[in-house]
Amino acid sequence: SGMLASSIGLLAAAQNSGMLASSIGLLAAAQNSGRHRYTDPATMTLIDAVQRAPNGSRIAIVEVGSNSGLWLKAVLAVLADYGANKRVDLVFFEPQARFAPQLEAMAQRWLHMPGWSVQFVPAAAWTSSGSMAFITTRNTEAATLAMAGPAGRNVVTVPTYDLAPLLKTTFDGADVTFLKLE
């Protein structure tokens, strides 16, 4: 809950400092060029923070629920543009097996960047490691972990990964941190 409060505070500070306005301008220009397509305030704040971070900075990003990787592709394009001389730790989770090949390929594609660590975790981020029922739907973005018996739905068992220790080790000492929960 402290991380959420920090994120809300960061967004408020960014809005008050004009950082968000410059992010909107940056993203609008990038969007017009067809390079980046996300315009939500949190992603724009991340883009601005990555752009402003000095060379040698450490950027840590964890995405929970990558789905097909659309958001991730946009963020990787930004990191390619502004993160080349920065250390990047990027971890992304997706339990839906149908997306594993393309997400693993995406991770492999970016491992060549000096100082970058890119890791795909084919599991659901959770409060403990193990396994859990996962409800799938035709709309892959509506898939979710099942808390109770989901009668009459498409249910598969997926591995779960304890997110808290990963956040601590990934975010500890980073200059820019970003957690995306989907």
N, C-alpha and C. Protein backbone atom coordinates (compact mmCIF):
# COMPACT_ATOMS: atom_id res chain seq x y z
N SER A 1 0.82 -1.20 0.00
CA SER A 1 0.00 0.00 0.00
C SER A 1 0.86 1.26 0.00
N GLY A 2 2.07 1.16 0.56
CA GLY A 2 2.96 2.31 0.51
C GLY A 2 3.40 2.61 -0.90
N MET A 3 3.55 1.54 -1.73
CA MET A 3 3.97 1.72 -3.12
C MET A 3 2.87 2.45 -3.90
N LEU A 4 1.59 2.10 -3.60
CA LEU A 4 0.49 2.76 -4.28
C LEU A 4 0.44 4.23 -3.89
N ALA A 5 0.62 4.50 -2.60
CA ALA A 5 0.64 5.89 -2.16
C ALA A 5 1.77 6.66 -2.83
N SER A 6 2.94 6.01 -2.95
CA SER A 6 4.07 6.65 -3.61
C SER A 6 3.76 6.93 -5.07
N SER A 7 3.10 5.97 -5.74
CA SER A 7 2.75 6.17 -7.14
C SER A 7 1.77 7.30 -7.30
N ILE A 8 0.78 7.37 -6.41
CA ILE A 8 -0.19 8.46 -6.47
C ILE A 8 0.52 9.79 -6.21
N GLY A 9 1.42 9.79 -5.23
CA GLY A 9 2.18 11.00 -4.95
C GLY A 9 3.05 11.41 -6.11
N LEU A 10 3.67 10.44 -6.78
CA LEU A 10 4.51 10.72 -7.94
C LEU A 10 3.69 11.35 -9.05
N LEU A 11 2.50 10.77 -9.29
CA LEU A 11 1.64 11.33 -10.33
C LEU A 11 1.21 12.75 -9.98
N ALA A 12 0.85 12.96 -8.71
CA ALA A 12 0.45 14.31 -8.29
C ALA A 12 1.61 15.28 -8.45
N ALA A 13 2.81 14.86 -8.03
CA ALA A 13 3.99 15.73 -8.18
C ALA A 13 4.27 16.01 -9.64
N ALA A 14 4.14 14.98 -10.47
CA ALA A 14 4.39 15.16 -11.90
C ALA A 14 3.39 16.13 -12.50
N GLN A 15 2.12 16.02 -12.09
CA GLN A 15 1.10 16.92 -12.61
C GLN A 15 1.38 18.35 -12.15
N ASN A 16 1.77 18.51 -10.88
CA ASN A 16 2.02 19.84 -10.34
C ASN A 16 3.27 20.48 -10.93
N SER A 17 4.26 19.68 -11.31
CA SER A 17 5.52 20.25 -11.80
C SER A 17 5.51 20.52 -13.30
N GLY A 18 4.45 20.11 -13.97
CA GLY A 18 4.41 20.29 -15.41
C GLY A 18 5.06 19.14 -16.16
N MET A 19 5.61 18.16 -15.41
CA MET A 19 6.25 17.01 -16.05
C MET A 19 5.23 16.26 -16.90
N LEU A 20 4.01 16.16 -16.40
CA LEU A 20 2.99 15.43 -17.14
C LEU A 20 2.66 16.15 -18.45
N ALA A 21 2.62 17.46 -18.41
CA ALA A 21 2.31 18.21 -19.63
C ALA A 21 3.38 17.99 -20.68
N SER A 22 4.65 17.96 -20.26
CA SER A 22 5.71 17.72 -21.25
C SER A 22 5.64 16.29 -21.75
N SER A 23 5.23 15.35 -20.89
CA SER A 23 5.06 13.97 -21.34
C SER A 23 3.97 13.87 -22.39
N ILE A 24 2.90 14.62 -22.18
CA ILE A 24 1.79 14.59 -23.14
C ILE A 24 2.30 15.11 -24.48
N GLY A 25 3.08 16.18 -24.45
CA GLY A 25 3.63 16.70 -25.70
C GLY A 25 4.56 15.71 -26.37
N LEU A 26 5.42 15.07 -25.59
CA LEU A 26 6.35 14.07 -26.11
C LEU A 26 5.59 12.92 -26.74
N LEU A 27 4.58 12.44 -26.01
CA LEU A 27 3.83 11.28 -26.52
C LEU A 27 3.01 11.65 -27.74
N ALA A 28 2.45 12.86 -27.76
CA ALA A 28 1.67 13.28 -28.92
C ALA A 28 2.57 13.33 -30.16
N ALA A 29 3.77 13.86 -29.99
CA ALA A 29 4.70 13.91 -31.12
C ALA A 29 5.09 12.51 -31.55
N ALA A 30 5.36 11.64 -30.58
CA ALA A 30 5.73 10.27 -30.91
C ALA A 30 4.56 9.53 -31.56
N GLN A 31 3.36 9.82 -31.06
CA GLN A 31 2.19 9.15 -31.62
C GLN A 31 1.97 9.58 -33.07
N ASN A 32 2.21 10.83 -33.35
CA ASN A 32 2.05 11.30 -34.72
C ASN A 32 3.06 10.63 -35.65
N SER A 33 4.21 10.25 -35.09
CA SER A 33 5.20 9.57 -35.93
C SER A 33 4.92 8.08 -36.00
N GLY A 34 3.94 7.60 -35.24
CA GLY A 34 3.58 6.19 -35.26
C GLY A 34 4.46 5.33 -34.38
N ARG A 35 5.37 5.92 -33.60
CA ARG A 35 6.33 5.14 -32.81
C ARG A 35 5.73 4.63 -31.50
N HIS A 36 5.06 5.46 -30.73
CA HIS A 36 4.51 5.08 -29.43
C HIS A 36 3.01 5.36 -29.44
N ARG A 37 2.22 4.51 -28.79
CA ARG A 37 0.79 4.70 -28.90
C ARG A 37 0.03 4.79 -27.59
N TYR A 38 0.69 4.74 -26.45
CA TYR A 38 -0.02 4.80 -25.19
C TYR A 38 -0.02 6.21 -24.63
N THR A 39 -1.17 6.66 -24.14
CA THR A 39 -1.28 8.02 -23.67
C THR A 39 -1.83 8.10 -22.25
N ASP A 40 -1.91 6.98 -21.52
CA ASP A 40 -2.42 7.06 -20.15
C ASP A 40 -1.41 7.83 -19.30
N PRO A 41 -1.88 8.54 -18.28
CA PRO A 41 -0.99 9.40 -17.48
C PRO A 41 0.17 8.65 -16.83
N ALA A 42 -0.06 7.45 -16.33
CA ALA A 42 1.03 6.72 -15.67
C ALA A 42 2.13 6.37 -16.67
N THR A 43 1.77 5.91 -17.85
CA THR A 43 2.78 5.58 -18.86
C THR A 43 3.51 6.83 -19.32
N MET A 44 2.80 7.91 -19.45
CA MET A 44 3.46 9.17 -19.84
C MET A 44 4.44 9.62 -18.77
N THR A 45 4.10 9.42 -17.50
CA THR A 45 5.01 9.77 -16.41
C THR A 45 6.26 8.90 -16.48
N LEU A 46 6.08 7.61 -16.76
CA LEU A 46 7.23 6.71 -16.93
C LEU A 46 8.11 7.18 -18.08
N ILE A 47 7.52 7.48 -19.21
CA ILE A 47 8.28 7.93 -20.38
C ILE A 47 9.09 9.17 -20.04
N ASP A 48 8.47 10.10 -19.35
CA ASP A 48 9.15 11.33 -18.98
C ASP A 48 10.31 11.04 -18.02
N ALA A 49 10.06 10.16 -17.04
CA ALA A 49 11.11 9.83 -16.08
C ALA A 49 12.29 9.14 -16.76
N VAL A 50 12.01 8.25 -17.70
CA VAL A 50 13.08 7.56 -18.43
C VAL A 50 13.87 8.57 -19.26
N GLN A 51 13.15 9.47 -19.91
CA GLN A 51 13.83 10.47 -20.75
C GLN A 51 14.71 11.39 -19.91
N ARG A 52 14.24 11.78 -18.74
CA ARG A 52 14.99 12.73 -17.91
C ARG A 52 16.10 12.08 -17.10
N ALA A 53 16.05 10.78 -16.90
CA ALA A 53 17.05 10.10 -16.08
C ALA A 53 18.42 10.23 -16.73
N PRO A 54 19.43 10.60 -15.95
CA PRO A 54 20.77 10.75 -16.53
C PRO A 54 21.36 9.40 -16.94
N ASN A 55 22.33 9.45 -17.85
CA ASN A 55 23.04 8.23 -18.25
C ASN A 55 23.58 7.53 -17.01
N GLY A 56 23.52 6.21 -17.02
CA GLY A 56 23.97 5.42 -15.89
C GLY A 56 22.89 5.15 -14.86
N SER A 57 21.74 5.81 -14.99
CA SER A 57 20.64 5.57 -14.07
C SER A 57 20.12 4.15 -14.21
N ARG A 58 19.52 3.65 -13.13
CA ARG A 58 18.91 2.32 -13.17
C ARG A 58 17.40 2.47 -13.19
N ILE A 59 16.78 1.87 -14.20
CA ILE A 59 15.33 1.93 -14.40
C ILE A 59 14.79 0.53 -14.16
N ALA A 60 13.83 0.40 -13.25
CA ALA A 60 13.24 -0.90 -12.92
C ALA A 60 11.75 -0.86 -13.22
N ILE A 61 11.30 -1.78 -14.07
CA ILE A 61 9.89 -1.84 -14.47
C ILE A 61 9.40 -3.28 -14.29
N VAL A 62 8.25 -3.41 -13.63
CA VAL A 62 7.60 -4.71 -13.49
C VAL A 62 6.19 -4.56 -14.03
N GLU A 63 5.84 -5.41 -15.00
CA GLU A 63 4.49 -5.41 -15.55
C GLU A 63 3.82 -6.73 -15.18
N VAL A 64 2.68 -6.63 -14.54
CA VAL A 64 1.89 -7.81 -14.16
C VAL A 64 0.69 -7.87 -15.09
N GLY A 65 0.62 -8.92 -15.89
CA GLY A 65 -0.47 -9.08 -16.84
C GLY A 65 -0.12 -8.48 -18.19
N SER A 66 0.89 -9.03 -18.85
CA SER A 66 1.35 -8.48 -20.13
C SER A 66 0.42 -8.79 -21.28
N ASN A 67 -0.41 -9.81 -21.14
CA ASN A 67 -1.31 -10.24 -22.20
C ASN A 67 -0.48 -10.49 -23.46
N SER A 68 -0.81 -9.85 -24.56
CA SER A 68 -0.08 -10.08 -25.81
C SER A 68 1.18 -9.23 -25.93
N GLY A 69 1.41 -8.32 -24.99
CA GLY A 69 2.62 -7.52 -24.99
C GLY A 69 2.51 -6.18 -25.68
N LEU A 70 1.32 -5.69 -25.97
CA LEU A 70 1.19 -4.41 -26.68
C LEU A 70 1.79 -3.25 -25.89
N TRP A 71 1.45 -3.14 -24.59
CA TRP A 71 1.99 -2.06 -23.78
C TRP A 71 3.51 -2.21 -23.69
N LEU A 72 3.94 -3.43 -23.50
CA LEU A 72 5.35 -3.73 -23.37
C LEU A 72 6.13 -3.30 -24.62
N LYS A 73 5.58 -3.56 -25.80
CA LYS A 73 6.24 -3.16 -27.04
C LYS A 73 6.44 -1.65 -27.08
N ALA A 74 5.42 -0.91 -26.66
CA ALA A 74 5.53 0.56 -26.66
C ALA A 74 6.59 1.02 -25.67
N VAL A 75 6.62 0.41 -24.48
CA VAL A 75 7.61 0.79 -23.47
C VAL A 75 9.02 0.41 -23.93
N LEU A 76 9.17 -0.74 -24.54
CA LEU A 76 10.48 -1.13 -25.05
C LEU A 76 10.96 -0.17 -26.14
N ALA A 77 10.05 0.32 -26.96
CA ALA A 77 10.44 1.31 -27.98
C ALA A 77 10.94 2.59 -27.32
N VAL A 78 10.27 3.02 -26.24
CA VAL A 78 10.71 4.20 -25.50
C VAL A 78 12.07 3.94 -24.87
N LEU A 79 12.22 2.76 -24.26
CA LEU A 79 13.51 2.43 -23.65
C LEU A 79 14.63 2.37 -24.69
N ALA A 80 14.32 1.89 -25.88
CA ALA A 80 15.32 1.86 -26.95
C ALA A 80 15.74 3.28 -27.33
N ASP A 81 14.76 4.19 -27.32
CA ASP A 81 15.05 5.59 -27.67
C ASP A 81 15.80 6.33 -26.57
N TYR A 82 15.42 6.10 -25.30
CA TYR A 82 15.94 6.93 -24.20
C TYR A 82 16.71 6.15 -23.14
N GLY A 83 16.76 4.82 -23.24
CA GLY A 83 17.39 4.03 -22.20
C GLY A 83 18.68 3.35 -22.60
N ALA A 84 19.21 3.70 -23.75
CA ALA A 84 20.40 3.00 -24.28
C ALA A 84 21.60 3.12 -23.35
N ASN A 85 21.78 4.23 -22.67
CA ASN A 85 22.92 4.42 -21.78
C ASN A 85 22.51 4.32 -20.32
N LYS A 86 21.44 3.57 -20.07
CA LYS A 86 20.93 3.38 -18.72
C LYS A 86 20.83 1.90 -18.44
N ARG A 87 20.86 1.55 -17.17
CA ARG A 87 20.66 0.15 -16.77
C ARG A 87 19.16 -0.08 -16.64
N VAL A 88 18.65 -1.11 -17.28
CA VAL A 88 17.22 -1.39 -17.28
C VAL A 88 16.98 -2.79 -16.73
N ASP A 89 16.13 -2.89 -15.73
CA ASP A 89 15.66 -4.17 -15.22
C ASP A 89 14.17 -4.22 -15.52
N LEU A 90 13.79 -5.13 -16.40
CA LEU A 90 12.39 -5.24 -16.83
C LEU A 90 11.94 -6.68 -16.61
N VAL A 91 10.88 -6.83 -15.82
CA VAL A 91 10.29 -8.14 -15.55
C VAL A 91 8.82 -8.05 -15.90
N PHE A 92 8.34 -9.03 -16.68
CA PHE A 92 6.92 -9.02 -17.02
C PHE A 92 6.31 -10.40 -16.87
N PHE A 93 5.07 -10.40 -16.37
CA PHE A 93 4.33 -11.62 -16.05
C PHE A 93 3.14 -11.79 -16.98
N GLU A 94 2.90 -13.02 -17.39
CA GLU A 94 1.67 -13.37 -18.11
C GLU A 94 1.45 -14.88 -17.96
N PRO A 95 0.34 -15.28 -17.33
CA PRO A 95 0.08 -16.71 -17.13
C PRO A 95 -0.59 -17.41 -18.32
N GLN A 96 -1.12 -16.67 -19.28
CA GLN A 96 -1.82 -17.30 -20.40
C GLN A 96 -0.80 -17.90 -21.37
N ALA A 97 -0.79 -19.21 -21.44
CA ALA A 97 0.21 -19.95 -22.23
C ALA A 97 0.21 -19.54 -23.70
N ARG A 98 -0.92 -19.11 -24.22
CA ARG A 98 -0.96 -18.75 -25.65
C ARG A 98 -0.06 -17.58 -25.99
N PHE A 99 0.31 -16.77 -25.00
CA PHE A 99 1.17 -15.61 -25.26
C PHE A 99 2.64 -15.88 -24.95
N ALA A 100 2.95 -17.02 -24.34
CA ALA A 100 4.31 -17.30 -23.90
C ALA A 100 5.35 -17.23 -25.03
N PRO A 101 5.11 -17.85 -26.20
CA PRO A 101 6.14 -17.79 -27.25
C PRO A 101 6.50 -16.37 -27.68
N GLN A 102 5.49 -15.52 -27.89
CA GLN A 102 5.80 -14.16 -28.35
C GLN A 102 6.43 -13.32 -27.25
N LEU A 103 6.04 -13.54 -25.99
CA LEU A 103 6.63 -12.77 -24.89
C LEU A 103 8.06 -13.23 -24.60
N GLU A 104 8.30 -14.52 -24.69
CA GLU A 104 9.67 -15.02 -24.52
C GLU A 104 10.57 -14.49 -25.64
N ALA A 105 10.05 -14.47 -26.86
CA ALA A 105 10.81 -13.92 -27.99
C ALA A 105 11.11 -12.44 -27.77
N MET A 106 10.15 -11.72 -27.22
CA MET A 106 10.34 -10.30 -26.94
C MET A 106 11.46 -10.11 -25.91
N ALA A 107 11.45 -10.93 -24.88
CA ALA A 107 12.50 -10.84 -23.86
C ALA A 107 13.86 -11.13 -24.48
N GLN A 108 13.94 -12.17 -25.28
CA GLN A 108 15.21 -12.55 -25.91
C GLN A 108 15.72 -11.47 -26.84
N ARG A 109 14.80 -10.80 -27.52
CA ARG A 109 15.19 -9.76 -28.49
C ARG A 109 15.93 -8.61 -27.81
N TRP A 110 15.59 -8.31 -26.55
CA TRP A 110 16.16 -7.13 -25.89
C TRP A 110 17.32 -7.46 -24.96
N LEU A 111 17.67 -8.72 -24.82
CA LEU A 111 18.77 -9.09 -23.92
C LEU A 111 20.12 -8.61 -24.42
N HIS A 112 20.23 -8.27 -25.70
CA HIS A 112 21.51 -7.82 -26.26
C HIS A 112 21.90 -6.42 -25.80
N MET A 113 20.96 -5.67 -25.25
CA MET A 113 21.26 -4.30 -24.84
C MET A 113 22.20 -4.32 -23.64
N PRO A 114 23.34 -3.63 -23.73
CA PRO A 114 24.29 -3.62 -22.61
C PRO A 114 23.65 -3.04 -21.35
N GLY A 115 23.80 -3.76 -20.25
CA GLY A 115 23.26 -3.28 -18.98
C GLY A 115 21.79 -3.56 -18.76
N TRP A 116 21.16 -4.26 -19.69
CA TRP A 116 19.73 -4.55 -19.56
C TRP A 116 19.51 -5.98 -19.06
N SER A 117 18.51 -6.12 -18.22
CA SER A 117 18.04 -7.43 -17.78
C SER A 117 16.55 -7.47 -18.12
N VAL A 118 16.17 -8.37 -19.01
CA VAL A 118 14.78 -8.48 -19.44
C VAL A 118 14.33 -9.91 -19.17
N GLN A 119 13.27 -10.05 -18.37
CA GLN A 119 12.83 -11.38 -17.96
C GLN A 119 11.32 -11.54 -18.10
N PHE A 120 10.92 -12.58 -18.82
CA PHE A 120 9.51 -12.95 -18.92
C PHE A 120 9.24 -14.07 -17.91
N VAL A 121 8.20 -13.91 -17.10
CA VAL A 121 7.80 -14.92 -16.13
C VAL A 121 6.44 -15.46 -16.57
N PRO A 122 6.39 -16.72 -17.04
CA PRO A 122 5.12 -17.30 -17.50
C PRO A 122 4.28 -17.81 -16.33
N ALA A 123 3.86 -16.88 -15.48
CA ALA A 123 3.10 -17.21 -14.28
C ALA A 123 2.22 -16.02 -13.91
N ALA A 124 1.31 -16.26 -12.98
CA ALA A 124 0.51 -15.19 -12.43
C ALA A 124 1.22 -14.64 -11.20
N ALA A 125 1.36 -13.33 -11.11
CA ALA A 125 1.94 -12.71 -9.92
C ALA A 125 0.92 -12.85 -8.79
N TRP A 126 1.41 -13.28 -7.63
CA TRP A 126 0.49 -13.55 -6.53
C TRP A 126 1.20 -13.32 -5.21
N THR A 127 0.56 -13.70 -4.11
CA THR A 127 1.13 -13.51 -2.78
C THR A 127 2.00 -14.68 -2.34
N SER A 128 2.04 -15.74 -3.14
CA SER A 128 2.89 -16.89 -2.85
C SER A 128 3.14 -17.64 -4.15
N SER A 129 4.20 -18.44 -4.15
CA SER A 129 4.48 -19.28 -5.31
C SER A 129 3.73 -20.59 -5.16
N GLY A 130 3.24 -21.11 -6.27
CA GLY A 130 2.47 -22.35 -6.26
C GLY A 130 1.69 -22.45 -7.55
N SER A 131 0.39 -22.73 -7.41
CA SER A 131 -0.48 -22.76 -8.58
C SER A 131 -1.89 -22.36 -8.15
N MET A 132 -2.69 -21.98 -9.13
CA MET A 132 -4.03 -21.48 -8.84
C MET A 132 -4.89 -21.61 -10.09
N ALA A 133 -6.20 -21.70 -9.88
CA ALA A 133 -7.13 -21.73 -11.01
C ALA A 133 -7.15 -20.37 -11.68
N PHE A 134 -7.21 -20.39 -13.00
CA PHE A 134 -7.20 -19.16 -13.80
C PHE A 134 -8.34 -19.27 -14.79
N ILE A 135 -9.20 -18.27 -14.82
CA ILE A 135 -10.36 -18.26 -15.71
C ILE A 135 -9.96 -17.58 -17.01
N THR A 136 -10.13 -18.27 -18.12
CA THR A 136 -9.86 -17.67 -19.42
C THR A 136 -11.17 -17.35 -20.12
N THR A 137 -11.16 -16.33 -20.92
CA THR A 137 -12.33 -15.92 -21.68
C THR A 137 -11.91 -15.66 -23.12
N ARG A 138 -12.86 -15.46 -23.99
CA ARG A 138 -12.51 -15.10 -25.38
C ARG A 138 -11.77 -13.79 -25.43
N ASN A 139 -12.15 -12.87 -24.54
CA ASN A 139 -11.45 -11.60 -24.42
C ASN A 139 -10.27 -11.85 -23.49
N THR A 140 -9.08 -12.03 -24.02
CA THR A 140 -7.92 -12.40 -23.22
C THR A 140 -7.60 -11.36 -22.15
N GLU A 141 -8.03 -10.13 -22.34
CA GLU A 141 -7.77 -9.10 -21.35
C GLU A 141 -8.67 -9.24 -20.13
N ALA A 142 -9.70 -10.08 -20.21
CA ALA A 142 -10.61 -10.27 -19.08
C ALA A 142 -10.28 -11.53 -18.29
N ALA A 143 -9.23 -12.24 -18.63
CA ALA A 143 -8.83 -13.44 -17.90
C ALA A 143 -8.40 -13.04 -16.49
N THR A 144 -8.64 -13.93 -15.51
CA THR A 144 -8.37 -13.58 -14.13
C THR A 144 -8.13 -14.81 -13.27
N LEU A 145 -7.44 -14.60 -12.15
CA LEU A 145 -7.28 -15.67 -11.18
C LEU A 145 -8.63 -15.92 -10.52
N ALA A 146 -8.93 -17.17 -10.22
CA ALA A 146 -10.20 -17.53 -9.60
C ALA A 146 -10.03 -17.62 -8.09
N MET A 147 -10.86 -16.90 -7.36
CA MET A 147 -10.81 -16.95 -5.91
C MET A 147 -11.75 -18.03 -5.36
N ALA A 148 -12.76 -18.41 -6.11
CA ALA A 148 -13.71 -19.43 -5.68
C ALA A 148 -14.02 -20.31 -6.87
N GLY A 149 -14.74 -21.38 -6.65
CA GLY A 149 -15.06 -22.32 -7.71
C GLY A 149 -15.78 -21.68 -8.88
N PRO A 150 -15.15 -21.55 -10.04
CA PRO A 150 -15.74 -20.92 -11.21
C PRO A 150 -16.50 -21.95 -12.06
N ALA A 151 -17.74 -22.20 -11.74
CA ALA A 151 -18.53 -23.19 -12.48
C ALA A 151 -18.86 -22.70 -13.88
N GLY A 152 -18.73 -23.60 -14.87
CA GLY A 152 -19.16 -23.30 -16.23
C GLY A 152 -18.26 -22.36 -17.01
N ARG A 153 -17.04 -22.20 -16.58
CA ARG A 153 -16.12 -21.32 -17.31
C ARG A 153 -14.90 -22.11 -17.75
N ASN A 154 -14.10 -21.52 -18.62
CA ASN A 154 -12.83 -22.13 -19.03
C ASN A 154 -11.80 -21.90 -17.94
N VAL A 155 -11.43 -22.97 -17.26
CA VAL A 155 -10.51 -22.85 -16.15
C VAL A 155 -9.27 -23.70 -16.42
N VAL A 156 -8.11 -23.09 -16.21
CA VAL A 156 -6.85 -23.81 -16.31
C VAL A 156 -6.08 -23.54 -15.03
N THR A 157 -5.16 -24.43 -14.70
CA THR A 157 -4.29 -24.21 -13.55
C THR A 157 -3.00 -23.58 -14.06
N VAL A 158 -2.62 -22.49 -13.41
CA VAL A 158 -1.40 -21.77 -13.82
C VAL A 158 -0.46 -21.67 -12.63
N PRO A 159 0.83 -21.57 -12.90
CA PRO A 159 1.77 -21.34 -11.80
C PRO A 159 1.60 -19.92 -11.25
N THR A 160 1.85 -19.76 -9.98
CA THR A 160 1.85 -18.43 -9.37
C THR A 160 3.26 -18.13 -8.86
N TYR A 161 3.56 -16.86 -8.76
CA TYR A 161 4.89 -16.40 -8.37
C TYR A 161 4.72 -15.35 -7.28
N ASP A 162 5.46 -15.48 -6.21
CA ASP A 162 5.37 -14.52 -5.11
C ASP A 162 5.99 -13.19 -5.55
N LEU A 163 5.15 -12.20 -5.73
CA LEU A 163 5.58 -10.92 -6.29
C LEU A 163 6.39 -10.06 -5.32
N ALA A 164 6.08 -10.10 -4.02
CA ALA A 164 6.72 -9.18 -3.06
C ALA A 164 8.24 -9.27 -3.05
N PRO A 165 8.85 -10.46 -2.95
CA PRO A 165 10.33 -10.49 -2.96
C PRO A 165 10.92 -9.98 -4.26
N LEU A 166 10.26 -10.26 -5.38
CA LEU A 166 10.76 -9.78 -6.67
C LEU A 166 10.72 -8.25 -6.71
N LEU A 167 9.64 -7.65 -6.22
CA LEU A 167 9.57 -6.19 -6.21
C LEU A 167 10.68 -5.59 -5.37
N LYS A 168 10.92 -6.19 -4.21
CA LYS A 168 11.98 -5.67 -3.34
C LYS A 168 13.34 -5.73 -4.03
N THR A 169 13.69 -6.87 -4.60
CA THR A 169 15.01 -6.97 -5.22
C THR A 169 15.12 -6.17 -6.51
N THR A 170 14.03 -6.11 -7.28
CA THR A 170 14.07 -5.38 -8.56
C THR A 170 14.08 -3.87 -8.33
N PHE A 171 13.28 -3.38 -7.40
CA PHE A 171 13.16 -1.94 -7.19
C PHE A 171 14.24 -1.37 -6.26
N ASP A 172 14.86 -2.20 -5.43
CA ASP A 172 15.85 -1.72 -4.47
C ASP A 172 17.01 -1.04 -5.20
N GLY A 173 17.24 0.21 -4.88
CA GLY A 173 18.35 0.96 -5.45
C GLY A 173 18.11 1.54 -6.84
N ALA A 174 16.94 1.33 -7.40
CA ALA A 174 16.65 1.87 -8.74
C ALA A 174 16.38 3.37 -8.66
N ASP A 175 16.76 4.08 -9.71
CA ASP A 175 16.51 5.52 -9.78
C ASP A 175 15.10 5.81 -10.27
N VAL A 176 14.57 4.95 -11.13
CA VAL A 176 13.20 5.08 -11.65
C VAL A 176 12.54 3.72 -11.46
N THR A 177 11.37 3.69 -10.81
CA THR A 177 10.64 2.44 -10.63
C THR A 177 9.24 2.61 -11.20
N PHE A 178 8.71 1.51 -11.75
CA PHE A 178 7.36 1.55 -12.30
C PHE A 178 6.75 0.15 -12.18
N LEU A 179 5.57 0.09 -11.58
CA LEU A 179 4.83 -1.15 -11.45
C LEU A 179 3.51 -0.98 -12.19
N LYS A 180 3.29 -1.83 -13.17
CA LYS A 180 2.04 -1.81 -13.94
C LYS A 180 1.26 -3.07 -13.59
N LEU A 181 0.08 -2.87 -13.03
CA LEU A 181 -0.80 -3.98 -12.67
C LEU A 181 -1.98 -3.99 -13.63
N GLU A 182 -2.17 -5.07 -14.28
CA GLU A 182 -3.25 -5.17 -15.28
C GLU A 182 -4.29 -6.12 -14.76
